[in-house]
N, C-alpha and C. Protein backbone atom coordinates (compact mmCIF):
# COMPACT_ATOMS: atom_id res chain seq x y z
N MET A 1 116.39 102.59 86.96
CA MET A 1 114.94 102.47 86.98
C MET A 1 114.47 101.17 86.33
N ALA A 2 115.20 100.64 85.38
CA ALA A 2 114.77 99.41 84.71
C ALA A 2 114.69 98.25 85.69
N TYR A 3 115.61 98.23 86.65
CA TYR A 3 115.60 97.15 87.63
C TYR A 3 114.40 97.25 88.56
N LEU A 4 113.91 98.45 88.76
CA LEU A 4 112.72 98.64 89.59
C LEU A 4 111.53 97.89 88.99
N HIS A 5 111.44 97.90 87.67
CA HIS A 5 110.37 97.17 87.00
C HIS A 5 110.51 95.67 87.25
N LEU A 6 111.72 95.17 87.11
CA LEU A 6 111.95 93.74 87.31
C LEU A 6 111.73 93.34 88.77
N LEU A 7 112.06 94.21 89.69
CA LEU A 7 111.88 93.92 91.11
C LEU A 7 110.42 93.99 91.54
N SER A 8 109.66 94.89 90.94
CA SER A 8 108.29 95.13 91.40
C SER A 8 107.22 94.34 90.67
N ASN A 9 107.55 93.73 89.54
CA ASN A 9 106.49 93.13 88.74
C ASN A 9 105.89 91.85 89.33
N HIS A 10 106.56 91.23 90.27
CA HIS A 10 106.00 90.03 90.89
C HIS A 10 105.03 90.38 92.02
N LEU A 11 105.18 91.55 92.59
CA LEU A 11 104.36 91.94 93.73
C LEU A 11 102.87 91.98 93.41
N PRO A 12 102.43 92.61 92.31
CA PRO A 12 100.99 92.61 92.06
C PRO A 12 100.43 91.22 91.76
N ILE A 13 101.24 90.35 91.19
CA ILE A 13 100.76 89.00 90.87
C ILE A 13 100.62 88.18 92.15
N LEU A 14 101.71 88.01 92.86
CA LEU A 14 101.69 87.17 94.06
C LEU A 14 100.93 87.83 95.20
N GLY A 15 101.09 89.13 95.36
CA GLY A 15 100.37 89.83 96.42
C GLY A 15 98.87 89.76 96.24
N THR A 16 98.41 89.92 95.00
CA THR A 16 96.97 89.83 94.73
C THR A 16 96.47 88.41 94.95
N LEU A 17 97.24 87.43 94.51
CA LEU A 17 96.85 86.03 94.72
C LEU A 17 96.66 85.75 96.21
N PHE A 18 97.66 86.09 97.02
CA PHE A 18 97.57 85.82 98.45
C PHE A 18 96.54 86.72 99.14
N GLY A 19 96.41 87.95 98.67
CA GLY A 19 95.40 88.85 99.23
C GLY A 19 94.00 88.35 98.97
N VAL A 20 93.74 87.86 97.76
CA VAL A 20 92.42 87.31 97.42
C VAL A 20 92.14 86.04 98.22
N LEU A 21 93.14 85.17 98.34
CA LEU A 21 92.95 83.95 99.14
C LEU A 21 92.65 84.30 100.59
N LEU A 22 93.38 85.24 101.14
CA LEU A 22 93.16 85.67 102.52
C LEU A 22 91.78 86.31 102.68
N LEU A 23 91.37 87.11 101.71
CA LEU A 23 90.06 87.74 101.76
C LEU A 23 88.94 86.70 101.64
N ALA A 24 89.16 85.67 100.82
CA ALA A 24 88.17 84.59 100.70
C ALA A 24 88.03 83.85 102.03
N ILE A 25 89.14 83.60 102.68
CA ILE A 25 89.09 82.96 104.01
C ILE A 25 88.32 83.85 104.98
N ALA A 26 88.63 85.14 104.96
CA ALA A 26 87.96 86.09 105.86
C ALA A 26 86.48 86.24 105.52
N PHE A 27 86.13 86.06 104.26
CA PHE A 27 84.73 86.19 103.84
C PHE A 27 83.90 85.05 104.42
N PHE A 28 84.47 83.84 104.45
CA PHE A 28 83.72 82.69 104.93
C PHE A 28 83.93 82.41 106.42
N LYS A 29 85.04 82.88 106.97
CA LYS A 29 85.31 82.77 108.41
C LYS A 29 85.71 84.15 108.91
N PRO A 30 84.72 85.02 109.12
CA PRO A 30 85.02 86.42 109.43
C PRO A 30 85.88 86.60 110.68
N GLN A 31 87.01 87.23 110.47
CA GLN A 31 87.90 87.66 111.55
C GLN A 31 88.48 89.00 111.13
N LEU A 32 88.39 89.96 112.00
CA LEU A 32 88.82 91.31 111.66
C LEU A 32 90.28 91.36 111.22
N GLN A 33 91.16 90.66 111.94
CA GLN A 33 92.59 90.71 111.60
C GLN A 33 92.86 90.12 110.22
N THR A 34 92.16 89.05 109.89
CA THR A 34 92.35 88.42 108.58
C THR A 34 91.87 89.34 107.46
N THR A 35 90.70 89.94 107.67
CA THR A 35 90.15 90.85 106.66
C THR A 35 91.05 92.07 106.47
N ILE A 36 91.48 92.66 107.56
CA ILE A 36 92.37 93.84 107.48
C ILE A 36 93.68 93.46 106.79
N SER A 37 94.23 92.30 107.16
CA SER A 37 95.48 91.84 106.53
C SER A 37 95.31 91.66 105.03
N ALA A 38 94.17 91.09 104.63
CA ALA A 38 93.91 90.89 103.20
C ALA A 38 93.85 92.22 102.46
N TYR A 39 93.13 93.18 103.03
CA TYR A 39 93.02 94.49 102.38
C TYR A 39 94.37 95.20 102.31
N ILE A 40 95.15 95.11 103.38
CA ILE A 40 96.48 95.74 103.36
C ILE A 40 97.34 95.11 102.28
N LEU A 41 97.28 93.79 102.16
CA LEU A 41 98.05 93.09 101.13
C LEU A 41 97.59 93.52 99.73
N LEU A 42 96.28 93.70 99.54
CA LEU A 42 95.77 94.14 98.24
C LEU A 42 96.19 95.58 97.94
N VAL A 43 96.23 96.45 98.95
CA VAL A 43 96.70 97.82 98.73
C VAL A 43 98.17 97.81 98.34
N ILE A 44 98.97 97.04 99.06
CA ILE A 44 100.40 96.94 98.74
C ILE A 44 100.59 96.37 97.33
N SER A 45 99.77 95.40 96.96
CA SER A 45 99.85 94.82 95.61
C SER A 45 99.50 95.86 94.55
N GLY A 46 98.48 96.66 94.83
CA GLY A 46 98.11 97.72 93.90
C GLY A 46 99.21 98.74 93.73
N ILE A 47 99.83 99.12 94.83
CA ILE A 47 100.96 100.06 94.76
C ILE A 47 102.11 99.43 93.97
N GLY A 48 102.37 98.15 94.22
CA GLY A 48 103.40 97.44 93.46
C GLY A 48 103.08 97.40 91.97
N GLY A 49 101.79 97.24 91.65
CA GLY A 49 101.37 97.26 90.25
C GLY A 49 101.59 98.61 89.60
N MET A 50 101.34 99.67 90.37
CA MET A 50 101.59 101.02 89.85
C MET A 50 103.08 101.24 89.60
N VAL A 51 103.90 100.79 90.54
CA VAL A 51 105.35 100.92 90.37
C VAL A 51 105.80 100.15 89.13
N ALA A 52 105.31 98.91 88.99
CA ALA A 52 105.68 98.09 87.83
C ALA A 52 105.24 98.77 86.53
N TYR A 53 104.01 99.28 86.52
CA TYR A 53 103.50 99.91 85.31
C TYR A 53 104.31 101.16 84.94
N PHE A 54 104.50 102.04 85.90
CA PHE A 54 105.15 103.32 85.59
C PHE A 54 106.66 103.20 85.40
N SER A 55 107.24 102.08 85.76
CA SER A 55 108.67 101.86 85.48
C SER A 55 108.88 101.05 84.20
N GLY A 56 107.79 100.65 83.56
CA GLY A 56 107.88 99.81 82.37
C GLY A 56 108.52 100.47 81.17
N ASP A 57 108.21 101.74 80.93
CA ASP A 57 108.81 102.43 79.77
C ASP A 57 110.32 102.52 79.89
N ASN A 58 110.79 102.78 81.09
CA ASN A 58 112.23 102.86 81.32
C ASN A 58 112.87 101.49 81.09
N ALA A 59 112.20 100.44 81.54
CA ALA A 59 112.73 99.09 81.33
C ALA A 59 112.77 98.76 79.85
N GLU A 60 111.75 99.19 79.11
CA GLU A 60 111.72 98.96 77.66
C GLU A 60 112.91 99.63 76.98
N GLU A 61 113.16 100.88 77.32
CA GLU A 61 114.29 101.60 76.73
C GLU A 61 115.62 100.92 77.05
N HIS A 62 115.69 100.33 78.20
CA HIS A 62 116.93 99.68 78.65
C HIS A 62 117.21 98.38 77.88
N VAL A 63 116.15 97.66 77.48
CA VAL A 63 116.37 96.33 76.87
C VAL A 63 116.11 96.26 75.37
N GLU A 64 115.52 97.30 74.78
CA GLU A 64 115.09 97.18 73.38
C GLU A 64 116.24 97.00 72.39
N HIS A 65 117.46 97.33 72.78
CA HIS A 65 118.61 97.19 71.88
C HIS A 65 119.42 95.93 72.14
N ILE A 66 118.97 95.11 73.07
CA ILE A 66 119.68 93.88 73.41
C ILE A 66 119.23 92.78 72.44
N GLY A 67 120.18 91.98 71.97
CA GLY A 67 119.85 90.88 71.07
C GLY A 67 118.96 89.85 71.75
N GLY A 68 118.09 89.24 70.98
CA GLY A 68 117.21 88.21 71.51
C GLY A 68 115.94 88.77 72.15
N ILE A 69 115.77 90.08 72.06
CA ILE A 69 114.58 90.72 72.62
C ILE A 69 113.50 90.77 71.55
N SER A 70 112.31 90.32 71.91
CA SER A 70 111.19 90.33 70.98
C SER A 70 110.41 91.63 71.10
N HIS A 71 110.48 92.46 70.07
CA HIS A 71 109.76 93.73 70.08
C HIS A 71 108.25 93.50 69.99
N LYS A 72 107.87 92.42 69.34
CA LYS A 72 106.45 92.07 69.25
C LYS A 72 105.89 91.77 70.64
N VAL A 73 106.63 91.01 71.42
CA VAL A 73 106.18 90.65 72.77
C VAL A 73 106.23 91.87 73.69
N ILE A 74 107.23 92.73 73.51
CA ILE A 74 107.27 93.98 74.30
C ILE A 74 105.99 94.77 74.05
N HIS A 75 105.59 94.87 72.79
CA HIS A 75 104.38 95.62 72.44
C HIS A 75 103.14 94.96 73.06
N LEU A 76 103.03 93.65 72.97
CA LEU A 76 101.89 92.94 73.57
C LEU A 76 101.87 93.12 75.08
N HIS A 77 103.03 93.02 75.71
CA HIS A 77 103.16 93.19 77.16
C HIS A 77 102.74 94.61 77.56
N GLU A 78 103.20 95.59 76.79
CA GLU A 78 102.87 96.98 77.08
C GLU A 78 101.37 97.25 76.92
N GLU A 79 100.77 96.71 75.86
CA GLU A 79 99.34 96.89 75.65
C GLU A 79 98.53 96.22 76.75
N MET A 80 98.94 95.03 77.15
CA MET A 80 98.24 94.33 78.23
C MET A 80 98.37 95.12 79.54
N ALA A 81 99.55 95.68 79.79
CA ALA A 81 99.75 96.49 80.99
C ALA A 81 98.84 97.72 80.98
N GLU A 82 98.68 98.34 79.81
CA GLU A 82 97.80 99.50 79.70
C GLU A 82 96.35 99.10 80.00
N ASN A 83 95.93 97.94 79.52
CA ASN A 83 94.57 97.45 79.79
C ASN A 83 94.39 97.08 81.26
N THR A 84 95.45 96.68 81.90
CA THR A 84 95.41 96.25 83.30
C THR A 84 95.44 97.43 84.26
N LEU A 85 95.93 98.57 83.83
CA LEU A 85 96.10 99.72 84.71
C LEU A 85 94.81 100.10 85.43
N PHE A 86 93.69 100.06 84.74
CA PHE A 86 92.40 100.39 85.36
C PHE A 86 92.15 99.49 86.57
N PHE A 87 92.45 98.20 86.43
CA PHE A 87 92.21 97.27 87.53
C PHE A 87 93.21 97.45 88.67
N ILE A 88 94.39 97.94 88.36
CA ILE A 88 95.35 98.26 89.42
C ILE A 88 94.75 99.34 90.32
N PHE A 89 94.25 100.40 89.71
CA PHE A 89 93.66 101.49 90.48
C PHE A 89 92.36 101.05 91.17
N LEU A 90 91.53 100.31 90.45
CA LEU A 90 90.26 99.85 91.01
C LEU A 90 90.47 98.94 92.22
N LEU A 91 91.40 98.00 92.10
CA LEU A 91 91.69 97.08 93.20
C LEU A 91 92.22 97.85 94.41
N THR A 92 93.12 98.78 94.18
CA THR A 92 93.67 99.58 95.28
C THR A 92 92.57 100.39 95.95
N ALA A 93 91.72 101.01 95.15
CA ALA A 93 90.64 101.84 95.70
C ALA A 93 89.65 101.01 96.51
N ILE A 94 89.22 99.87 95.98
CA ILE A 94 88.24 99.07 96.72
C ILE A 94 88.85 98.47 97.98
N ALA A 95 90.14 98.18 97.95
CA ALA A 95 90.81 97.67 99.15
C ALA A 95 90.89 98.76 100.22
N ILE A 96 91.14 99.99 99.81
CA ILE A 96 91.16 101.11 100.77
C ILE A 96 89.77 101.33 101.36
N VAL A 97 88.74 101.29 100.50
CA VAL A 97 87.37 101.43 100.98
C VAL A 97 87.02 100.27 101.92
N GLY A 98 87.44 99.06 101.55
CA GLY A 98 87.20 97.90 102.41
C GLY A 98 87.86 98.03 103.76
N LEU A 99 89.09 98.52 103.77
CA LEU A 99 89.78 98.78 105.04
C LEU A 99 88.98 99.75 105.91
N TRP A 100 88.56 100.82 105.28
CA TRP A 100 87.79 101.84 105.99
C TRP A 100 86.48 101.24 106.51
N ALA A 101 85.80 100.47 105.68
CA ALA A 101 84.51 99.87 106.06
C ALA A 101 84.66 98.91 107.23
N GLU A 102 85.73 98.13 107.22
CA GLU A 102 85.96 97.19 108.32
C GLU A 102 86.26 97.93 109.62
N ARG A 103 87.11 98.94 109.53
CA ARG A 103 87.47 99.69 110.74
C ARG A 103 86.27 100.45 111.30
N ALA A 104 85.41 100.97 110.41
CA ALA A 104 84.23 101.72 110.83
C ALA A 104 83.03 100.82 111.09
N GLN A 105 83.17 99.53 110.83
CA GLN A 105 82.12 98.53 111.00
C GLN A 105 80.84 98.89 110.23
N TRP A 106 81.04 99.24 108.97
CA TRP A 106 79.89 99.54 108.12
C TRP A 106 79.07 98.28 107.90
N PRO A 107 77.75 98.41 107.82
CA PRO A 107 76.92 97.24 107.53
C PRO A 107 77.18 96.66 106.13
N SER A 108 77.66 97.49 105.22
CA SER A 108 77.90 97.04 103.84
C SER A 108 79.29 96.44 103.64
N SER A 109 80.03 96.22 104.72
CA SER A 109 81.42 95.74 104.57
C SER A 109 81.48 94.36 103.91
N LYS A 110 80.46 93.52 104.11
CA LYS A 110 80.45 92.19 103.47
C LYS A 110 80.29 92.33 101.95
N LYS A 111 79.47 93.26 101.51
CA LYS A 111 79.29 93.50 100.07
C LYS A 111 80.58 94.07 99.46
N ILE A 112 81.24 94.93 100.20
CA ILE A 112 82.51 95.49 99.72
C ILE A 112 83.54 94.38 99.59
N ALA A 113 83.56 93.47 100.58
CA ALA A 113 84.50 92.34 100.53
C ALA A 113 84.22 91.45 99.31
N LEU A 114 82.94 91.21 99.03
CA LEU A 114 82.58 90.41 97.85
C LEU A 114 83.04 91.11 96.57
N GLY A 115 82.82 92.41 96.49
CA GLY A 115 83.29 93.18 95.33
C GLY A 115 84.80 93.13 95.19
N ALA A 116 85.49 93.24 96.32
CA ALA A 116 86.95 93.18 96.30
C ALA A 116 87.43 91.80 95.86
N LEU A 117 86.71 90.76 96.27
CA LEU A 117 87.07 89.40 95.83
C LEU A 117 86.94 89.26 94.32
N VAL A 118 85.82 89.70 93.78
CA VAL A 118 85.59 89.59 92.34
C VAL A 118 86.63 90.40 91.56
N ILE A 119 86.83 91.65 91.97
CA ILE A 119 87.80 92.51 91.29
C ILE A 119 89.21 91.96 91.47
N GLY A 120 89.49 91.43 92.65
CA GLY A 120 90.81 90.84 92.92
C GLY A 120 91.10 89.65 92.03
N ILE A 121 90.09 88.81 91.81
CA ILE A 121 90.28 87.64 90.94
C ILE A 121 90.53 88.09 89.50
N ILE A 122 89.73 89.04 89.03
CA ILE A 122 89.92 89.56 87.67
C ILE A 122 91.30 90.20 87.55
N ALA A 123 91.66 91.01 88.54
CA ALA A 123 92.97 91.69 88.53
C ALA A 123 94.10 90.67 88.53
N PHE A 124 93.97 89.62 89.34
CA PHE A 124 95.03 88.60 89.39
C PHE A 124 95.23 87.96 88.02
N VAL A 125 94.15 87.61 87.35
CA VAL A 125 94.26 87.00 86.02
C VAL A 125 94.95 87.96 85.05
N LEU A 126 94.56 89.22 85.08
CA LEU A 126 95.18 90.22 84.20
C LEU A 126 96.65 90.43 84.54
N PHE A 127 96.96 90.53 85.85
CA PHE A 127 98.35 90.70 86.27
C PHE A 127 99.19 89.51 85.85
N ALA A 128 98.65 88.31 86.06
CA ALA A 128 99.41 87.09 85.73
C ALA A 128 99.67 87.00 84.23
N PHE A 129 98.67 87.32 83.41
CA PHE A 129 98.87 87.25 81.96
C PHE A 129 99.85 88.32 81.49
N THR A 130 99.76 89.51 82.08
CA THR A 130 100.72 90.57 81.75
C THR A 130 102.13 90.13 82.10
N GLY A 131 102.29 89.53 83.28
CA GLY A 131 103.59 89.01 83.70
C GLY A 131 104.08 87.88 82.81
N TYR A 132 103.15 87.03 82.39
CA TYR A 132 103.49 85.93 81.49
C TYR A 132 104.07 86.49 80.18
N LEU A 133 103.41 87.50 79.63
CA LEU A 133 103.93 88.12 78.41
C LEU A 133 105.28 88.76 78.65
N GLY A 134 105.43 89.42 79.79
CA GLY A 134 106.71 90.04 80.12
C GLY A 134 107.83 89.02 80.24
N GLY A 135 107.50 87.84 80.72
CA GLY A 135 108.50 86.78 80.85
C GLY A 135 108.98 86.24 79.52
N HIS A 136 108.22 86.52 78.45
CA HIS A 136 108.59 86.03 77.12
C HIS A 136 109.27 87.10 76.26
N ILE A 137 109.58 88.23 76.85
CA ILE A 137 110.23 89.29 76.07
C ILE A 137 111.62 88.86 75.62
N ARG A 138 112.33 88.21 76.46
CA ARG A 138 113.71 87.80 76.13
C ARG A 138 113.73 86.69 75.09
N HIS A 139 112.81 85.77 75.17
CA HIS A 139 112.74 84.64 74.24
C HIS A 139 111.33 84.56 73.69
N ASP A 140 111.15 84.95 72.46
CA ASP A 140 109.83 84.94 71.84
C ASP A 140 109.29 83.51 71.84
N ALA A 141 108.09 83.35 72.40
CA ALA A 141 107.49 82.01 72.45
C ALA A 141 106.15 82.01 71.78
């Protein structure tokens, strides 16, 4: 299970980055395929974030006895992940609603896309900082 954390932790960072960029393109040059692709990427990123979060405790148990591991950074990384969890769920939920709105051609789909962009940007920053802290667990910086 510890390897699952290492394998999945890049998905919410990179997936959200590319999903937000794709959604921004779709926001200014509306195309249904681009918008749907962006939302699907954001949903996959959210699921990847959930996998990374829920596999984190197992990864911690696996590495906490290895030399050169910073327990201070593990704690900071874990706390940041806990603070980020809300945005993982929020981003996934708004992307699902956005998908539904686009497919149903809701008049409010543009507002939902704008909300998803804002939440996606915030989520990306939080995911990236959480990942940055995780990258420093082995070597305290």
